[in-house]
Amino acid sequence: EYRGLADPDNDELVVRGDLAKREFIAFWLRGGEVTAAMNVNVWDDGEA
């Protein structure tokens, strides 16, 4: 699931979890603000 509107060329990518296992949350961060978040095979944090 993907929420938000990121600019991958300029936002900082922050990964929580394991890319290799395909179980992670990717955040895109700009000036301390989360511009977008994508949860991959992780389902407990949607509301957060």
All heavy atoms as atom14 arrays in JSON, in Angstrom:
{
  "sequence": "EYRGLADPDNDELVVRGDLAKREFIAFWLRGGEVTAAMNVNVWDDGEA",
  "atom14_mask": [
    [1, 1, 1, 1, 1, 1, 1, 1, 1, 0, 0, 0, 0, 0],
    [1, 1, 1, 1, 1, 1, 1, 1, 1, 1, 1, 1, 0, 0],
    [1, 1, 1, 1, 1, 1, 1, 1, 1, 1, 1, 0, 0, 0],
    [1, 1, 1, 1, 0, 0, 0, 0, 0, 0, 0, 0, 0, 0],
    [1, 1, 1, 1, 1, 1, 1, 1, 0, 0, 0, 0, 0, 0],
    [1, 1, 1, 1, 1, 0, 0, 0, 0, 0, 0, 0, 0, 0],
    [1, 1, 1, 1, 1, 1, 1, 1, 0, 0, 0, 0, 0, 0],
    [1, 1, 1, 1, 1, 1, 1, 0, 0, 0, 0, 0, 0, 0],
    [1, 1, 1, 1, 1, 1, 1, 1, 0, 0, 0, 0, 0, 0],
    [1, 1, 1, 1, 1, 1, 1, 1, 0, 0, 0, 0, 0, 0],
    [1, 1, 1, 1, 1, 1, 1, 1, 0, 0, 0, 0, 0, 0],
    [1, 1, 1, 1, 1, 1, 1, 1, 1, 0, 0, 0, 0, 0],
    [1, 1, 1, 1, 1, 1, 1, 1, 0, 0, 0, 0, 0, 0],
    [1, 1, 1, 1, 1, 1, 1, 0, 0, 0, 0, 0, 0, 0],
    [1, 1, 1, 1, 1, 1, 1, 0, 0, 0, 0, 0, 0, 0],
    [1, 1, 1, 1, 1, 1, 1, 1, 1, 1, 1, 0, 0, 0],
    [1, 1, 1, 1, 0, 0, 0, 0, 0, 0, 0, 0, 0, 0],
    [1, 1, 1, 1, 1, 1, 1, 1, 0, 0, 0, 0, 0, 0],
    [1, 1, 1, 1, 1, 1, 1, 1, 0, 0, 0, 0, 0, 0],
    [1, 1, 1, 1, 1, 0, 0, 0, 0, 0, 0, 0, 0, 0],
    [1, 1, 1, 1, 1, 1, 1, 1, 1, 0, 0, 0, 0, 0],
    [1, 1, 1, 1, 1, 1, 1, 1, 1, 1, 1, 0, 0, 0],
    [1, 1, 1, 1, 1, 1, 1, 1, 1, 0, 0, 0, 0, 0],
    [1, 1, 1, 1, 1, 1, 1, 1, 1, 1, 1, 0, 0, 0],
    [1, 1, 1, 1, 1, 1, 1, 1, 0, 0, 0, 0, 0, 0],
    [1, 1, 1, 1, 1, 0, 0, 0, 0, 0, 0, 0, 0, 0],
    [1, 1, 1, 1, 1, 1, 1, 1, 1, 1, 1, 0, 0, 0],
    [1, 1, 1, 1, 1, 1, 1, 1, 1, 1, 1, 1, 1, 1],
    [1, 1, 1, 1, 1, 1, 1, 1, 0, 0, 0, 0, 0, 0],
    [1, 1, 1, 1, 1, 1, 1, 1, 1, 1, 1, 0, 0, 0],
    [1, 1, 1, 1, 0, 0, 0, 0, 0, 0, 0, 0, 0, 0],
    [1, 1, 1, 1, 0, 0, 0, 0, 0, 0, 0, 0, 0, 0],
    [1, 1, 1, 1, 1, 1, 1, 1, 1, 0, 0, 0, 0, 0],
    [1, 1, 1, 1, 1, 1, 1, 0, 0, 0, 0, 0, 0, 0],
    [1, 1, 1, 1, 1, 1, 1, 0, 0, 0, 0, 0, 0, 0],
    [1, 1, 1, 1, 1, 0, 0, 0, 0, 0, 0, 0, 0, 0],
    [1, 1, 1, 1, 1, 0, 0, 0, 0, 0, 0, 0, 0, 0],
    [1, 1, 1, 1, 1, 1, 1, 1, 0, 0, 0, 0, 0, 0],
    [1, 1, 1, 1, 1, 1, 1, 1, 0, 0, 0, 0, 0, 0],
    [1, 1, 1, 1, 1, 1, 1, 0, 0, 0, 0, 0, 0, 0],
    [1, 1, 1, 1, 1, 1, 1, 1, 0, 0, 0, 0, 0, 0],
    [1, 1, 1, 1, 1, 1, 1, 0, 0, 0, 0, 0, 0, 0],
    [1, 1, 1, 1, 1, 1, 1, 1, 1, 1, 1, 1, 1, 1],
    [1, 1, 1, 1, 1, 1, 1, 1, 0, 0, 0, 0, 0, 0],
    [1, 1, 1, 1, 1, 1, 1, 1, 0, 0, 0, 0, 0, 0],
    [1, 1, 1, 1, 0, 0, 0, 0, 0, 0, 0, 0, 0, 0],
    [1, 1, 1, 1, 1, 1, 1, 1, 1, 0, 0, 0, 0, 0],
    [1, 1, 1, 1, 1, 0, 0, 0, 0, 0, 0, 0, 0, 0]
  ],
  "atom14_positions": [
    [[0.86, -1.18, 0.0], [0.0, 0.0, 0.0], [0.9, 1.23, 0.0], [1.93, 1.25, 0.67], [-0.89, 0.04, 1.24], [-1.88, -1.09, 1.34], [-2.64, -1.03, 2.66], [-1.98, -1.01, 3.73], [-3.88, -0.97, 2.61], [0.0, 0.0, 0.0], [0.0, 0.0, 0.0], [0.0, 0.0, 0.0], [0.0, 0.0, 0.0], [0.0, 0.0, 0.0]],
    [[0.49, 2.26, -0.72], [1.27, 3.49, -0.83], [0.36, 4.66, -0.48], [-0.75, 4.77, -1.0], [1.8, 3.63, -2.25], [2.63, 4.87, -2.52], [4.01, 4.79, -2.63], [2.03, 6.12, -2.72], [4.78, 5.91, -2.91], [2.78, 7.24, -2.99], [4.15, 7.14, -3.09], [4.9, 8.26, -3.37], [0.0, 0.0, 0.0], [0.0, 0.0, 0.0]],
    [[0.85, 5.51, 0.4], [0.11, 6.71, 0.79], [1.01, 7.93, 0.63], [2.17, 7.91, 1.05], [-0.33, 6.61, 2.25], [-1.29, 5.47, 2.56], [-1.45, 5.3, 4.06], [-2.46, 4.3, 4.4], [-2.21, 2.99, 4.48], [-0.97, 2.55, 4.25], [-3.17, 2.15, 4.78], [0.0, 0.0, 0.0], [0.0, 0.0, 0.0], [0.0, 0.0, 0.0]],
    [[0.47, 8.99, 0.05], [1.22, 10.23, -0.04], [1.66, 10.56, -1.45], [1.15, 10.03, -2.43], [0.0, 0.0, 0.0], [0.0, 0.0, 0.0], [0.0, 0.0, 0.0], [0.0, 0.0, 0.0], [0.0, 0.0, 0.0], [0.0, 0.0, 0.0], [0.0, 0.0, 0.0], [0.0, 0.0, 0.0], [0.0, 0.0, 0.0], [0.0, 0.0, 0.0]],
    [[2.66, 11.43, -1.52], [3.13, 11.92, -2.82], [4.61, 12.27, -2.67], [4.97, 13.36, -2.22], [2.33, 13.15, -3.24], [2.5, 13.66, -4.65], [2.05, 12.61, -5.67], [1.73, 14.94, -4.84], [0.0, 0.0, 0.0], [0.0, 0.0, 0.0], [0.0, 0.0, 0.0], [0.0, 0.0, 0.0], [0.0, 0.0, 0.0], [0.0, 0.0, 0.0]],
    [[5.48, 11.34, -3.05], [6.92, 11.52, -2.87], [7.58, 12.03, -4.15], [7.03, 11.91, -5.25], [7.56, 10.2, -2.45], [0.0, 0.0, 0.0], [0.0, 0.0, 0.0], [0.0, 0.0, 0.0], [0.0, 0.0, 0.0], [0.0, 0.0, 0.0], [0.0, 0.0, 0.0], [0.0, 0.0, 0.0], [0.0, 0.0, 0.0], [0.0, 0.0, 0.0]],
    [[8.76, 12.55, -3.97], [9.65, 12.9, -5.08], [10.94, 12.1, -4.85], [11.85, 12.56, -4.18], [9.94, 14.4, -5.08], [10.93, 14.8, -6.17], [11.36, 13.92, -6.94], [11.27, 16.0, -6.23], [0.0, 0.0, 0.0], [0.0, 0.0, 0.0], [0.0, 0.0, 0.0], [0.0, 0.0, 0.0], [0.0, 0.0, 0.0], [0.0, 0.0, 0.0]],
    [[11.01, 10.87, -5.38], [12.16, 10.0, -5.08], [13.51, 10.6, -5.46], [14.53, 10.22, -4.87], [11.86, 8.73, -5.89], [10.39, 8.75, -6.11], [10.03, 10.19, -6.25], [0.0, 0.0, 0.0], [0.0, 0.0, 0.0], [0.0, 0.0, 0.0], [0.0, 0.0, 0.0], [0.0, 0.0, 0.0], [0.0, 0.0, 0.0], [0.0, 0.0, 0.0]],
    [[13.53, 11.51, -6.43], [14.8, 12.1, -6.83], [15.35, 13.05, -5.78], [16.56, 13.31, -5.74], [14.64, 12.86, -8.15], [14.44, 11.92, -9.33], [14.86, 10.76, -9.24], [13.84, 12.36, -10.33], [0.0, 0.0, 0.0], [0.0, 0.0, 0.0], [0.0, 0.0, 0.0], [0.0, 0.0, 0.0], [0.0, 0.0, 0.0], [0.0, 0.0, 0.0]],
    [[14.48, 13.59, -4.94], [14.92, 14.6, -3.98], [14.62, 14.27, -2.53], [15.27, 14.8, -1.62], [14.26, 15.95, -4.32], [14.71, 16.48, -5.67], [15.86, 16.8, -5.85], [13.79, 16.55, -6.63], [0.0, 0.0, 0.0], [0.0, 0.0, 0.0], [0.0, 0.0, 0.0], [0.0, 0.0, 0.0], [0.0, 0.0, 0.0], [0.0, 0.0, 0.0]],
    [[13.66, 13.39, -2.27], [13.33, 13.01, -0.89], [14.33, 11.97, -0.39], [14.86, 11.17, -1.17], [11.91, 12.45, -0.8], [10.86, 13.49, -1.14], [11.21, 14.69, -1.22], [9.69, 13.11, -1.32], [0.0, 0.0, 0.0], [0.0, 0.0, 0.0], [0.0, 0.0, 0.0], [0.0, 0.0, 0.0], [0.0, 0.0, 0.0], [0.0, 0.0, 0.0]],
    [[14.51, 11.94, 0.92], [15.37, 10.93, 1.54], [14.57, 9.63, 1.74], [13.48, 9.64, 2.31], [15.86, 11.42, 2.9], [16.73, 10.4, 3.64], [17.11, 10.83, 5.05], [16.69, 11.94, 5.46], [17.81, 10.05, 5.74], [0.0, 0.0, 0.0], [0.0, 0.0, 0.0], [0.0, 0.0, 0.0], [0.0, 0.0, 0.0], [0.0, 0.0, 0.0]],
    [[15.1, 8.52, 1.25], [14.48, 7.22, 1.45], [14.91, 6.65, 2.8], [16.11, 6.57, 3.09], [14.86, 6.26, 0.34], [14.4, 4.8, 0.51], [12.88, 4.7, 0.46], [15.05, 3.9, -0.54], [0.0, 0.0, 0.0], [0.0, 0.0, 0.0], [0.0, 0.0, 0.0], [0.0, 0.0, 0.0], [0.0, 0.0, 0.0], [0.0, 0.0, 0.0]],
    [[13.93, 6.24, 3.59], [14.19, 5.61, 4.89], [13.48, 4.26, 4.88], [12.28, 4.19, 4.63], [13.67, 6.47, 6.05], [13.96, 5.79, 7.39], [14.28, 7.87, 6.01], [0.0, 0.0, 0.0], [0.0, 0.0, 0.0], [0.0, 0.0, 0.0], [0.0, 0.0, 0.0], [0.0, 0.0, 0.0], [0.0, 0.0, 0.0], [0.0, 0.0, 0.0]],
    [[14.23, 3.2, 5.15], [13.65, 1.84, 5.11], [13.6, 1.27, 6.52], [14.61, 1.23, 7.23], [14.46, 0.92, 4.19], [13.9, -0.51, 4.23], [14.44, 1.45, 2.76], [0.0, 0.0, 0.0], [0.0, 0.0, 0.0], [0.0, 0.0, 0.0], [0.0, 0.0, 0.0], [0.0, 0.0, 0.0], [0.0, 0.0, 0.0], [0.0, 0.0, 0.0]],
    [[12.44, 0.82, 6.89], [12.23, 0.13, 8.18], [11.89, -1.32, 7.83], [10.84, -1.6, 7.24], [11.08, 0.8, 8.93], [10.73, 0.16, 10.28], [9.45, 0.81, 10.81], [9.04, 0.28, 12.09], [9.13, 0.92, 13.26], [9.64, 2.15, 13.3], [8.7, 0.36, 14.37], [0.0, 0.0, 0.0], [0.0, 0.0, 0.0], [0.0, 0.0, 0.0]],
    [[12.77, -2.24, 8.16], [12.55, -3.63, 7.81], [13.62, -4.13, 6.87], [14.74, -3.62, 6.83], [0.0, 0.0, 0.0], [0.0, 0.0, 0.0], [0.0, 0.0, 0.0], [0.0, 0.0, 0.0], [0.0, 0.0, 0.0], [0.0, 0.0, 0.0], [0.0, 0.0, 0.0], [0.0, 0.0, 0.0], [0.0, 0.0, 0.0], [0.0, 0.0, 0.0]],
    [[13.25, -5.12, 6.06], [14.25, -5.83, 5.25], [13.82, -5.84, 3.78], [12.86, -6.53, 3.4], [14.37, -7.26, 5.77], [15.58, -7.99, 5.21], [15.95, -7.73, 4.06], [16.16, -8.83, 5.95], [0.0, 0.0, 0.0], [0.0, 0.0, 0.0], [0.0, 0.0, 0.0], [0.0, 0.0, 0.0], [0.0, 0.0, 0.0], [0.0, 0.0, 0.0]],
    [[14.55, -5.08, 2.96], [14.25, -5.06, 1.52], [14.42, -6.44, 0.9], [13.6, -6.85, 0.06], [15.17, -4.06, 0.81], [14.95, -2.56, 1.05], [16.04, -1.77, 0.35], [13.58, -2.13, 0.55], [0.0, 0.0, 0.0], [0.0, 0.0, 0.0], [0.0, 0.0, 0.0], [0.0, 0.0, 0.0], [0.0, 0.0, 0.0], [0.0, 0.0, 0.0]],
    [[15.46, -7.16, 1.3], [15.75, -8.46, 0.69], [14.64, -9.47, 0.95], [14.32, -10.3, 0.09], [17.08, -9.0, 1.2], [0.0, 0.0, 0.0], [0.0, 0.0, 0.0], [0.0, 0.0, 0.0], [0.0, 0.0, 0.0], [0.0, 0.0, 0.0], [0.0, 0.0, 0.0], [0.0, 0.0, 0.0], [0.0, 0.0, 0.0], [0.0, 0.0, 0.0]],
    [[14.04, -9.4, 2.15], [12.95, -10.31, 2.48], [11.6, -9.83, 1.96], [10.59, -10.52, 2.09], [12.87, -10.49, 3.99], [14.04, -11.25, 4.59], [13.85, -11.41, 6.09], [15.0, -12.21, 6.71], [14.83, -12.35, 8.2], [0.0, 0.0, 0.0], [0.0, 0.0, 0.0], [0.0, 0.0, 0.0], [0.0, 0.0, 0.0], [0.0, 0.0, 0.0]],
    [[11.58, -8.61, 1.42], [10.34, -7.99, 0.94], [9.32, -7.85, 2.06], [8.12, -8.06, 1.87], [9.77, -8.76, -0.26], [10.75, -8.84, -1.42], [10.17, -9.51, -2.65], [11.26, -9.71, -3.61], [11.64, -10.89, -4.07], [11.01, -11.99, -3.7], [12.64, -11.0, -4.92], [0.0, 0.0, 0.0], [0.0, 0.0, 0.0], [0.0, 0.0, 0.0]],
    [[9.81, -7.49, 3.22], [8.96, -7.17, 4.37], [9.5, -5.88, 4.98], [10.46, -5.89, 5.77], [8.98, -8.3, 5.41], [8.37, -9.6, 4.91], [8.42, -10.69, 5.96], [8.95, -10.44, 7.06], [7.94, -11.81, 5.67], [0.0, 0.0, 0.0], [0.0, 0.0, 0.0], [0.0, 0.0, 0.0], [0.0, 0.0, 0.0], [0.0, 0.0, 0.0]],
    [[8.91, -4.77, 4.58], [9.47, -3.49, 5.01], [8.44, -2.38, 4.84], [7.4, -2.54, 4.2], [10.72, -3.15, 4.19], [10.48, -2.97, 2.71], [10.19, -1.72, 2.18], [10.56, -4.06, 1.85], [9.98, -1.55, 0.83], [10.34, -3.9, 0.48], [10.05, -2.64, -0.03], [0.0, 0.0, 0.0], [0.0, 0.0, 0.0], [0.0, 0.0, 0.0]],
    [[8.77, -1.24, 5.44], [8.06, 0.01, 5.19], [9.07, 1.0, 4.63], [10.15, 1.19, 5.21], [7.42, 0.57, 6.46], [6.43, -0.43, 7.07], [6.71, 1.9, 6.17], [5.9, -0.02, 8.43], [0.0, 0.0, 0.0], [0.0, 0.0, 0.0], [0.0, 0.0, 0.0], [0.0, 0.0, 0.0], [0.0, 0.0, 0.0], [0.0, 0.0, 0.0]],
    [[8.76, 1.59, 3.51], [9.6, 2.63, 2.93], [8.96, 3.98, 3.21], [7.76, 4.17, 2.97], [9.75, 2.42, 1.43], [0.0, 0.0, 0.0], [0.0, 0.0, 0.0], [0.0, 0.0, 0.0], [0.0, 0.0, 0.0], [0.0, 0.0, 0.0], [0.0, 0.0, 0.0], [0.0, 0.0, 0.0], [0.0, 0.0, 0.0], [0.0, 0.0, 0.0]],
    [[9.75, 4.9, 3.73], [9.32, 6.27, 3.96], [10.11, 7.19, 3.04], [11.3, 6.94, 2.77], [9.58, 6.71, 5.4], [8.83, 5.93, 6.45], [9.43, 4.85, 7.08], [7.54, 6.3, 6.82], [8.77, 4.13, 8.06], [6.87, 5.58, 7.8], [7.47, 4.5, 8.42], [0.0, 0.0, 0.0], [0.0, 0.0, 0.0], [0.0, 0.0, 0.0]],
    [[9.47, 8.25, 2.6], [10.18, 9.31, 1.89], [10.07, 10.56, 2.75], [8.97, 10.96, 3.15], [9.59, 9.52, 0.5], [9.97, 8.42, -0.44], [11.03, 8.4, -1.29], [9.31, 7.15, -0.62], [11.08, 7.22, -2.0], [10.03, 6.43, -1.61], [8.18, 6.56, -0.06], [9.67, 5.16, -2.03], [7.81, 5.3, -0.46], [8.55, 4.6, -1.44]],
    [[11.22, 11.14, 3.06], [11.32, 12.19, 4.06], [11.88, 13.46, 3.43], [12.87, 13.41, 2.7], [12.23, 11.71, 5.19], [12.27, 12.49, 6.51], [10.91, 12.5, 7.17], [13.31, 11.85, 7.44], [0.0, 0.0, 0.0], [0.0, 0.0, 0.0], [0.0, 0.0, 0.0], [0.0, 0.0, 0.0], [0.0, 0.0, 0.0], [0.0, 0.0, 0.0]],
    [[11.23, 14.58, 3.73], [11.69, 15.87, 3.21], [11.55, 16.93, 4.31], [10.43, 17.23, 4.73], [10.87, 16.29, 1.99], [11.34, 17.56, 1.29], [10.34, 18.0, 0.23], [9.93, 16.89, -0.6], [8.8, 16.88, -1.31], [7.99, 17.92, -1.27], [8.48, 15.83, -2.05], [0.0, 0.0, 0.0], [0.0, 0.0, 0.0], [0.0, 0.0, 0.0]],
    [[12.67, 17.47, 4.76], [12.62, 18.5, 5.79], [11.93, 18.05, 7.06], [11.25, 18.84, 7.72], [0.0, 0.0, 0.0], [0.0, 0.0, 0.0], [0.0, 0.0, 0.0], [0.0, 0.0, 0.0], [0.0, 0.0, 0.0], [0.0, 0.0, 0.0], [0.0, 0.0, 0.0], [0.0, 0.0, 0.0], [0.0, 0.0, 0.0], [0.0, 0.0, 0.0]],
    [[12.1, 16.77, 7.42], [11.47, 16.24, 8.62], [10.01, 15.85, 8.45], [9.38, 15.39, 9.4], [0.0, 0.0, 0.0], [0.0, 0.0, 0.0], [0.0, 0.0, 0.0], [0.0, 0.0, 0.0], [0.0, 0.0, 0.0], [0.0, 0.0, 0.0], [0.0, 0.0, 0.0], [0.0, 0.0, 0.0], [0.0, 0.0, 0.0], [0.0, 0.0, 0.0]],
    [[9.49, 15.99, 7.25], [8.09, 15.66, 6.97], [8.02, 14.39, 6.13], [8.75, 14.24, 5.15], [7.42, 16.81, 6.23], [5.98, 16.56, 5.83], [5.4, 17.73, 5.04], [5.13, 18.79, 5.65], [5.23, 17.59, 3.82], [0.0, 0.0, 0.0], [0.0, 0.0, 0.0], [0.0, 0.0, 0.0], [0.0, 0.0, 0.0], [0.0, 0.0, 0.0]],
    [[7.14, 13.47, 6.49], [6.94, 12.24, 5.71], [6.05, 12.58, 4.51], [4.86, 12.86, 4.66], [6.29, 11.13, 6.56], [6.04, 9.89, 5.71], [7.19, 10.77, 7.75], [0.0, 0.0, 0.0], [0.0, 0.0, 0.0], [0.0, 0.0, 0.0], [0.0, 0.0, 0.0], [0.0, 0.0, 0.0], [0.0, 0.0, 0.0], [0.0, 0.0, 0.0]],
    [[6.64, 12.56, 3.33], [5.86, 12.88, 2.13], [5.09, 11.67, 1.62], [4.04, 11.83, 0.98], [6.77, 13.41, 1.01], [7.75, 12.41, 0.67], [7.49, 14.68, 1.46], [0.0, 0.0, 0.0], [0.0, 0.0, 0.0], [0.0, 0.0, 0.0], [0.0, 0.0, 0.0], [0.0, 0.0, 0.0], [0.0, 0.0, 0.0], [0.0, 0.0, 0.0]],
    [[5.61, 10.46, 1.89], [4.92, 9.25, 1.45], [5.43, 8.06, 2.25], [6.54, 8.09, 2.8], [5.14, 8.99, -0.05], [0.0, 0.0, 0.0], [0.0, 0.0, 0.0], [0.0, 0.0, 0.0], [0.0, 0.0, 0.0], [0.0, 0.0, 0.0], [0.0, 0.0, 0.0], [0.0, 0.0, 0.0], [0.0, 0.0, 0.0], [0.0, 0.0, 0.0]],
    [[4.61, 7.03, 2.32], [5.0, 5.79, 3.01], [4.39, 4.62, 2.26], [3.25, 4.68, 1.81], [4.52, 5.79, 4.46], [0.0, 0.0, 0.0], [0.0, 0.0, 0.0], [0.0, 0.0, 0.0], [0.0, 0.0, 0.0], [0.0, 0.0, 0.0], [0.0, 0.0, 0.0], [0.0, 0.0, 0.0], [0.0, 0.0, 0.0], [0.0, 0.0, 0.0]],
    [[5.18, 3.55, 2.11], [4.69, 2.34, 1.45], [5.01, 1.13, 2.31], [6.18, 0.88, 2.62], [5.32, 2.17, 0.06], [4.72, 0.97, -0.7], [5.26, 0.84, -2.42], [6.9, 0.22, -2.2], [0.0, 0.0, 0.0], [0.0, 0.0, 0.0], [0.0, 0.0, 0.0], [0.0, 0.0, 0.0], [0.0, 0.0, 0.0], [0.0, 0.0, 0.0]],
    [[3.98, 0.4, 2.7], [4.19, -0.84, 3.45], [4.13, -2.02, 2.49], [3.22, -2.13, 1.67], [3.15, -1.0, 4.56], [1.72, -0.81, 4.11], [1.36, 0.23, 3.58], [0.88, -1.82, 4.34], [0.0, 0.0, 0.0], [0.0, 0.0, 0.0], [0.0, 0.0, 0.0], [0.0, 0.0, 0.0], [0.0, 0.0, 0.0], [0.0, 0.0, 0.0]],
    [[5.14, -2.88, 2.6], [5.27, -4.04, 1.72], [5.24, -5.3, 2.59], [6.15, -5.52, 3.4], [6.57, -3.98, 0.9], [6.76, -5.26, 0.09], [6.56, -2.76, -0.01], [0.0, 0.0, 0.0], [0.0, 0.0, 0.0], [0.0, 0.0, 0.0], [0.0, 0.0, 0.0], [0.0, 0.0, 0.0], [0.0, 0.0, 0.0], [0.0, 0.0, 0.0]],
    [[4.18, -6.1, 2.43], [3.99, -7.32, 3.22], [4.07, -7.06, 4.73], [4.44, -7.94, 5.5], [5.01, -8.4, 2.81], [4.72, -8.96, 1.43], [3.61, -8.85, 0.92], [5.73, -9.56, 0.82], [0.0, 0.0, 0.0], [0.0, 0.0, 0.0], [0.0, 0.0, 0.0], [0.0, 0.0, 0.0], [0.0, 0.0, 0.0], [0.0, 0.0, 0.0]],
    [[3.72, -5.87, 5.15], [3.62, -5.48, 6.56], [2.27, -4.8, 6.72], [2.01, -3.79, 6.06], [4.76, -4.51, 6.96], [4.56, -4.02, 8.39], [6.11, -5.17, 6.81], [0.0, 0.0, 0.0], [0.0, 0.0, 0.0], [0.0, 0.0, 0.0], [0.0, 0.0, 0.0], [0.0, 0.0, 0.0], [0.0, 0.0, 0.0], [0.0, 0.0, 0.0]],
    [[1.42, -5.33, 7.6], [0.02, -4.92, 7.57], [-0.51, -4.33, 8.88], [-1.69, -4.05, 8.98], [-0.85, -6.11, 7.16], [-0.41, -6.71, 5.87], [0.21, -7.9, 5.67], [-0.5, -6.11, 4.56], [0.5, -8.11, 4.35], [0.07, -7.02, 3.63], [-1.01, -4.91, 4.09], [0.15, -6.75, 2.28], [-0.94, -4.64, 2.73], [-0.36, -5.55, 1.84]],
    [[0.34, -4.14, 9.86], [-0.16, -3.73, 11.17], [-0.12, -2.22, 11.41], [-0.62, -1.76, 12.44], [0.65, -4.41, 12.29], [0.47, -5.92, 12.29], [-0.58, -6.38, 11.81], [1.4, -6.62, 12.76], [0.0, 0.0, 0.0], [0.0, 0.0, 0.0], [0.0, 0.0, 0.0], [0.0, 0.0, 0.0], [0.0, 0.0, 0.0], [0.0, 0.0, 0.0]],
    [[0.47, -1.46, 10.5], [0.73, -0.05, 10.79], [0.01, 0.92, 9.86], [0.39, 2.09, 9.76], [2.24, 0.21, 10.72], [3.02, -0.59, 11.75], [2.73, -0.43, 12.94], [3.88, -1.38, 11.34], [0.0, 0.0, 0.0], [0.0, 0.0, 0.0], [0.0, 0.0, 0.0], [0.0, 0.0, 0.0], [0.0, 0.0, 0.0], [0.0, 0.0, 0.0]],
    [[-1.03, 0.46, 9.19], [-1.7, 1.3, 8.19], [-2.19, 2.63, 8.73], [-1.97, 3.68, 8.13], [0.0, 0.0, 0.0], [0.0, 0.0, 0.0], [0.0, 0.0, 0.0], [0.0, 0.0, 0.0], [0.0, 0.0, 0.0], [0.0, 0.0, 0.0], [0.0, 0.0, 0.0], [0.0, 0.0, 0.0], [0.0, 0.0, 0.0], [0.0, 0.0, 0.0]],
    [[-2.84, 2.61, 9.9], [-3.38, 3.85, 10.45], [-2.26, 4.8, 10.86], [-2.37, 6.02, 10.67], [-4.29, 3.54, 11.63], [-5.61, 2.9, 11.25], [-6.4, 3.75, 10.27], [-6.54, 4.96, 10.51], [-6.88, 3.2, 9.25], [0.0, 0.0, 0.0], [0.0, 0.0, 0.0], [0.0, 0.0, 0.0], [0.0, 0.0, 0.0], [0.0, 0.0, 0.0]],
    [[-1.19, 4.25, 11.41], [-0.06, 5.09, 11.79], [0.6, 5.72, 10.56], [0.98, 6.9, 10.57], [0.96, 4.28, 12.58], [0.0, 0.0, 0.0], [0.0, 0.0, 0.0], [0.0, 0.0, 0.0], [0.0, 0.0, 0.0], [0.0, 0.0, 0.0], [0.0, 0.0, 0.0], [0.0, 0.0, 0.0], [0.0, 0.0, 0.0], [0.0, 0.0, 0.0]]
  ]
}
